[in-house]
Protein backbone atom coordinates (compact mmCIF):
# COMPACT_ATOMS: atom_id res chain seq x y z
CA MET A 1 0.66 24.56 -2.67
CA SER A 2 3.76 22.93 -1.17
CA ASP A 3 7.05 24.52 -2.19
CA GLN A 4 8.88 22.24 -4.64
CA SER A 5 12.17 23.47 -3.20
CA SER A 6 11.36 21.60 0.01
CA ILE A 7 11.64 18.21 -1.71
CA LYS A 8 14.55 16.23 -0.30
CA GLU A 9 16.35 13.48 -2.17
CA LEU A 10 17.77 10.47 -0.37
CA SER A 11 21.37 9.61 -1.14
CA PRO A 12 22.06 6.06 -2.40
CA GLU A 13 23.31 5.18 1.11
CA GLU A 14 20.15 6.60 2.70
CA LEU A 15 17.92 4.76 0.22
CA ARG A 16 19.63 1.50 1.09
CA ARG A 17 19.26 2.22 4.81
CA MET A 18 15.54 2.85 4.30
CA GLN A 19 15.20 -0.47 2.45
CA LEU A 20 16.87 -2.25 5.37
CA LEU A 21 14.56 -0.49 7.83
CA GLN A 22 11.60 -1.75 5.80
CA LEU A 23 13.16 -5.22 5.64
CA GLY A 24 13.25 -5.35 9.43
CA MET A 25 9.53 -4.63 9.49
CA LEU A 26 8.80 -7.27 6.86
CA VAL A 27 10.69 -9.89 8.84
CA GLU A 28 8.91 -8.95 12.08
CA PHE A 29 5.54 -8.97 10.31
CA ASP A 30 6.31 -12.42 8.88
CA ARG A 31 7.19 -13.66 12.38
CA ILE A 32 3.83 -12.61 13.80
CA CYS A 33 1.88 -14.00 10.84
CA LYS A 34 3.61 -17.38 11.12
CA GLN A 35 3.04 -17.40 14.88
CA GLU A 36 -0.68 -16.62 14.48
CA ASN A 37 -1.34 -18.65 11.29
CA ILE A 38 -2.21 -15.58 9.24
CA HIS A 39 -1.73 -15.57 5.48
CA TYR A 40 -0.18 -12.70 3.55
CA VAL A 41 1.82 -12.12 0.37
CA ILE A 42 4.44 -9.63 -0.69
CA CYS A 43 3.14 -7.97 -3.84
CA CYS A 44 3.69 -5.25 -6.44
CA GLY A 45 7.31 -4.08 -6.66
CA THR A 46 8.30 -6.13 -3.62
CA LEU A 47 7.28 -9.37 -5.34
CA LEU A 48 8.90 -8.18 -8.55
CA GLY A 49 12.09 -7.55 -6.58
CA ALA A 50 11.96 -11.05 -5.08
CA VAL A 51 11.55 -12.63 -8.52
CA ARG A 52 13.97 -10.48 -10.49
CA HIS A 53 16.55 -9.44 -7.86
CA LYS A 54 16.10 -11.85 -4.92
CA GLY A 55 15.43 -8.75 -2.84
CA TYR A 56 14.71 -5.09 -3.38
CA ILE A 57 14.64 -3.54 -6.80
CA PRO A 58 17.81 -1.45 -6.32
CA TRP A 59 16.01 1.89 -6.75
CA ASP A 60 12.74 0.96 -5.00
CA ASP A 61 11.77 3.07 -1.99
CA ASP A 62 8.74 1.23 -0.61
CA ALA A 63 7.49 -2.25 0.27
CA ASP A 64 4.04 -3.77 -0.22
CA ILE A 65 2.04 -6.52 1.45
CA ALA A 66 -1.44 -7.75 0.46
CA MET A 67 -3.92 -9.77 2.53
CA LEU A 68 -7.43 -11.02 1.95
CA ARG A 69 -9.85 -9.16 4.20
CA GLU A 70 -10.31 -12.02 6.70
CA GLU A 71 -6.55 -12.30 7.15
CA TYR A 72 -6.17 -8.54 7.47
CA GLU A 73 -8.76 -8.41 10.25
CA LYS A 74 -7.03 -11.30 12.04
CA PHE A 75 -3.76 -9.42 11.89
CA LYS A 76 -5.29 -6.23 13.28
CA LYS A 77 -6.34 -8.20 16.38
CA VAL A 78 -2.78 -9.35 17.07
CA ALA A 79 -0.83 -6.34 15.76
CA HIS A 80 -0.06 -5.36 19.36
CA LYS A 81 2.22 -8.41 19.50
CA LEU A 82 4.65 -6.80 17.07
CA ASP A 83 7.97 -5.90 18.67
CA GLN A 84 7.23 -2.22 19.28
CA SER A 85 10.94 -1.40 19.32
CA ILE A 86 10.91 -2.34 15.62
CA CYS A 87 7.53 -1.24 14.30
CA PHE A 88 3.86 -0.62 14.98
CA PHE A 89 0.67 -0.98 12.96
CA GLN A 90 -1.22 2.12 11.82
CA ASP A 91 -4.64 2.57 10.28
CA HIS A 92 -7.64 4.78 11.00
CA SER A 93 -8.65 2.60 13.95
CA THR A 94 -5.29 3.09 15.69
CA ASP A 95 -4.67 6.69 14.59
CA ASN A 96 -7.75 8.84 14.04
CA GLU A 97 -5.80 11.32 11.91
CA TYR A 98 -4.70 8.62 9.47
CA ARG A 99 -6.74 9.10 6.28
CA TRP A 100 -5.97 6.15 4.00
CA GLY A 101 -8.00 3.01 3.32
CA TYR A 102 -5.20 0.53 3.98
CA GLY A 103 -2.78 0.00 6.83
CA LYS A 104 0.91 0.60 7.32
CA LEU A 105 3.71 -0.73 9.42
CA ARG A 106 5.71 2.24 10.74
CA ARG A 107 9.33 1.92 11.78
CA THR A 108 9.76 3.05 15.39
CA GLY A 109 12.17 5.94 15.89
CA THR A 110 12.01 7.30 12.33
CA LYS A 111 10.32 10.15 10.47
CA TYR A 112 9.20 10.14 6.84
CA ILE A 113 6.86 12.86 5.57
CA ARG A 114 5.56 12.74 2.01
CA PHE A 115 5.80 15.96 0.01
CA GLY A 116 2.43 17.74 0.05
CA GLN A 117 1.34 16.02 3.27
CA GLU A 118 3.20 18.21 5.74
CA HIS A 119 -0.08 19.58 7.13
CA ILE A 120 -1.66 16.15 7.61
CA GLY A 121 -1.76 14.84 11.17
CA GLY A 122 -0.98 11.33 12.32
CA LYS A 123 2.17 9.43 13.15
CA THR A 124 4.92 9.32 10.55
CA GLY A 125 7.92 7.12 9.90
CA VAL A 126 9.44 4.81 7.32
CA TYR A 127 6.63 2.48 6.32
CA VAL A 128 5.43 -0.70 4.65
CA ASP A 129 1.97 -0.64 3.05
CA ILE A 130 -0.48 -3.40 3.97
CA PHE A 131 -3.30 -3.67 1.43
CA PRO A 132 -6.56 -5.41 2.42
CA LEU A 133 -8.28 -7.12 -0.51
CA ASP A 134 -12.07 -7.14 -0.65
CA ASP A 135 -14.64 -8.92 -2.81
CA ILE A 136 -16.04 -6.96 -5.75
CA PRO A 137 -19.25 -7.63 -7.73
CA VAL A 138 -19.31 -10.58 -10.15
CA THR A 139 -20.49 -8.68 -13.24
CA VAL A 140 -18.37 -6.19 -15.17
CA ILE A 141 -21.11 -3.55 -14.87
CA GLY A 142 -21.18 -4.09 -11.11
CA GLN A 143 -17.40 -3.81 -10.98
CA MET A 144 -17.46 -0.55 -12.93
CA LEU A 145 -20.09 0.93 -10.59
CA ASN A 146 -18.08 -0.29 -7.60
CA ASP A 147 -14.97 1.37 -9.04
CA MET A 148 -16.78 4.70 -9.42
CA GLU A 149 -18.10 4.51 -5.86
CA CYS A 150 -14.64 3.68 -4.51
CA PHE A 151 -13.17 6.59 -6.48
CA PHE A 152 -15.61 8.97 -4.78
CA TRP A 153 -14.82 7.71 -1.26
CA ARG A 154 -11.09 7.75 -2.03
CA LYS A 155 -11.22 11.38 -3.13
CA ILE A 156 -12.92 12.36 0.13
CA LEU A 157 -10.01 10.83 2.05
CA TYR A 158 -7.50 12.51 -0.27
CA SER A 159 -9.27 15.88 -0.14
CA GLU A 160 -7.25 17.25 2.77
CA VAL A 161 -4.14 16.74 0.61
CA GLY A 162 -5.86 17.72 -2.64
CA ARG A 163 -7.14 21.09 -1.48
CA VAL A 164 -3.55 22.19 -0.84
CA ALA A 165 -1.95 20.42 -3.81
CA THR A 166 -4.36 22.07 -6.29
CA GLU A 167 -4.15 25.71 -5.12
CA SER A 168 -3.39 26.86 -8.67
CA ASN A 169 -6.54 25.20 -10.05
CA PHE A 170 -9.57 27.00 -8.64
CA VAL A 171 -12.14 24.37 -9.67
CA GLN A 172 -10.20 21.41 -8.28
CA LYS A 173 -9.38 23.31 -5.09
CA TRP A 174 -13.05 24.22 -4.63
CA ILE A 175 -14.14 20.57 -5.11
CA TYR A 176 -11.51 19.23 -2.72
CA THR A 177 -12.34 21.93 -0.16
CA LEU A 178 -15.99 20.86 -0.22
CA LEU A 179 -15.06 17.17 0.05
CA SER A 180 -12.72 17.90 2.96
CA LYS A 181 -15.77 18.94 5.03
CA ILE A 182 -16.87 15.27 5.05
CA SER A 183 -15.42 13.36 8.00
CA PRO A 184 -13.19 10.36 7.22
CA ASP A 185 -15.19 8.51 9.87
CA PHE A 186 -18.22 8.75 7.58
CA VAL A 187 -16.26 7.14 4.73
CA PHE A 188 -14.90 4.32 6.86
CA ASP A 189 -18.36 3.61 8.29
CA LYS A 190 -19.76 3.38 4.75
CA MET A 191 -16.95 1.14 3.58
CA GLN A 192 -17.46 -1.22 6.52
CA HIS A 193 -20.82 -2.27 5.04
CA ILE A 194 -18.96 -3.42 1.93
CA THR A 195 -15.92 -4.99 3.56
CA ASP A 196 -18.04 -6.99 6.02
CA LYS A 197 -19.31 -9.03 3.04
CA SER A 198 -15.84 -10.22 2.04
CA ASN A 199 -14.66 -13.67 3.02
CA ASN A 200 -12.11 -16.23 1.92
CA ARG A 201 -14.69 -18.74 0.67
CA THR A 202 -16.27 -16.80 -2.20
CA ASN A 203 -15.02 -16.90 -5.77
CA ASN A 204 -15.35 -13.14 -6.31
CA ARG A 205 -12.45 -11.21 -7.73
CA VAL A 206 -10.76 -8.91 -5.22
CA ARG A 207 -9.14 -5.48 -5.06
CA VAL A 208 -8.04 -2.79 -2.62
CA LEU A 209 -11.21 -0.73 -2.47
CA LEU A 210 -9.67 2.59 -1.41
CA PHE A 211 -6.71 2.45 -3.78
CA PRO A 212 -6.66 2.49 -7.60
CA SER A 213 -7.24 -0.98 -8.99
CA PHE A 214 -3.90 -2.74 -9.53
CA GLY A 215 -5.08 -3.74 -13.00
CA THR A 216 -5.24 -0.10 -14.11
CA LEU A 217 -1.90 1.16 -12.82
CA TYR A 218 0.72 0.05 -15.35
CA ALA A 219 -0.50 -2.64 -17.75
CA LYS A 220 -3.45 -2.44 -20.17
CA ASN A 221 -5.73 -5.22 -18.97
CA PRO A 222 -9.07 -6.17 -20.61
CA ILE A 223 -12.14 -4.62 -19.04
CA LYS A 224 -13.21 -8.06 -17.75
CA THR A 225 -10.15 -8.29 -15.52
CA ARG A 226 -8.89 -4.77 -14.87
CA PHE A 227 -11.09 -4.03 -11.84
CA GLY A 228 -10.13 -7.04 -9.75
CA MET A 229 -7.81 -10.01 -9.39
CA PRO A 230 -8.48 -13.74 -8.94
CA LYS A 231 -8.75 -14.52 -5.24
CA ILE A 232 -6.77 -17.72 -5.76
CA TRP A 233 -3.61 -15.64 -6.31
CA PHE A 234 -3.72 -14.65 -2.65
CA LYS A 235 -4.57 -18.10 -1.32
CA GLN A 236 -1.87 -20.10 -3.09
CA ILE A 237 1.38 -18.98 -1.49
CA LYS A 238 5.04 -19.94 -1.55
CA ARG A 239 8.20 -18.74 0.19
CA TYR A 240 10.57 -16.42 -1.67
CA ASP A 241 14.17 -15.50 -1.00
CA PHE A 242 14.33 -11.82 -0.15
CA GLU A 243 17.53 -10.11 0.98
CA GLY A 244 18.69 -13.30 2.69
CA TYR A 245 15.34 -13.94 4.40
CA LYS A 246 12.22 -15.90 3.44
CA LEU A 247 8.91 -14.12 2.86
CA ASP A 248 5.52 -15.31 1.59
CA GLY A 249 4.48 -14.33 -1.91
CA ILE A 250 2.01 -15.21 -4.66
CA ARG A 251 2.79 -18.66 -6.05
CA ASP A 252 1.65 -17.74 -9.56
CA TYR A 253 3.98 -14.77 -9.68
CA ASP A 254 4.08 -14.77 -13.48
CA ALA A 255 0.32 -14.19 -13.83
CA PHE A 256 0.29 -11.48 -11.16
CA LEU A 257 3.35 -9.63 -12.43
CA ARG A 258 2.12 -9.70 -16.04
CA TYR A 259 -1.21 -8.34 -14.80
CA MET A 260 0.63 -5.53 -12.99
CA TYR A 261 3.56 -4.75 -15.29
CA ASP A 262 3.23 -6.80 -18.51
CA ASP A 263 6.87 -7.54 -19.53
CA TYR A 264 8.09 -7.47 -15.94
CA MET A 265 11.57 -8.94 -16.52
CA LYS A 266 12.49 -6.04 -18.81
CA LEU A 267 14.36 -3.36 -16.91
CA PRO A 268 13.10 0.21 -17.30
CA PRO A 269 15.27 2.82 -19.05
CA VAL A 270 18.17 4.04 -16.92
CA GLU A 271 16.56 7.47 -16.43
CA LYS A 272 13.51 5.82 -14.82
CA ARG A 273 15.52 3.77 -12.33
CA CYS A 274 14.94 6.14 -9.46
CA ALA A 275 12.94 6.41 -6.24
CA LYS A 276 9.33 7.49 -6.89
CA MET A 277 8.28 8.95 -3.54
CA LEU A 278 8.64 12.70 -3.04
CA VAL A 279 9.61 13.46 0.56
CA SER A 280 9.93 16.79 2.35
CA ASP A 281 11.39 15.61 5.66
CA TYR A 282 12.86 12.41 6.98
CA ASP A 283 14.94 10.93 9.77
CA LEU A 284 16.15 7.38 9.30
CA GLY A 285 17.44 7.07 12.85
CA ASP A 286 21.00 6.47 13.99
CA PHE A 287 20.47 3.01 15.49
CA GLU A 288 22.03 -0.18 14.18
CA ILE A 289 20.01 -2.26 11.71
């Protein structure tokens, strides 16, 4: 198990610098998407920040983008056009040691290692998550079965982290150790059969398959809606002010943010206004932003 004493806390000045590093990636990503006619939205806490703060939530330490699967695949084909002095795109196809089912932009010239993932290979750095959204079954029963299947695949990918994180729990460690014997390539090959069926023209609800459903994270949504979101949210887009720049976001922000957070305009208690990521090592670079 990772030593809790190795957790490092960013100072307020370092947190702000990290936000600005992420902002540079968001702006560069937006440039490429506009150039290539690719649609995306800022989402989750990043959209909440745009609506409530016109930029970052002051204590937020990450940034999130969502794209329908077709748009995500378009972006992957042109990701090499990103200004590599600013950032690069990372997923399992560009970095074989990367184990997650969604992509990231990584800030060039930085290091950012999550606590408990010190032994995991792959490139590191300050990042922005890019979530691909895939069609899910129409029926609630189908969605529930899909959710269970996705949970299983997700745990295989997480197993290399889980087998270390659960050293004090013999049963969990044993399960994760067994799952870690399964190659991530096997999981991604299996998932490809599902993701290939997604397209912008269907009316299916959508979700990030290899990430917990957004509708189950914070708010208590009805079973009919908790496993996926209306696709229209990610097709109807508008520009938002964000830290002095313009970024694309979900037009119906109220519906999305209530789905995610319920009473989203209410600030959390002061003691919960803190960064959520645990980090064991980082280097935010000494270059100008």
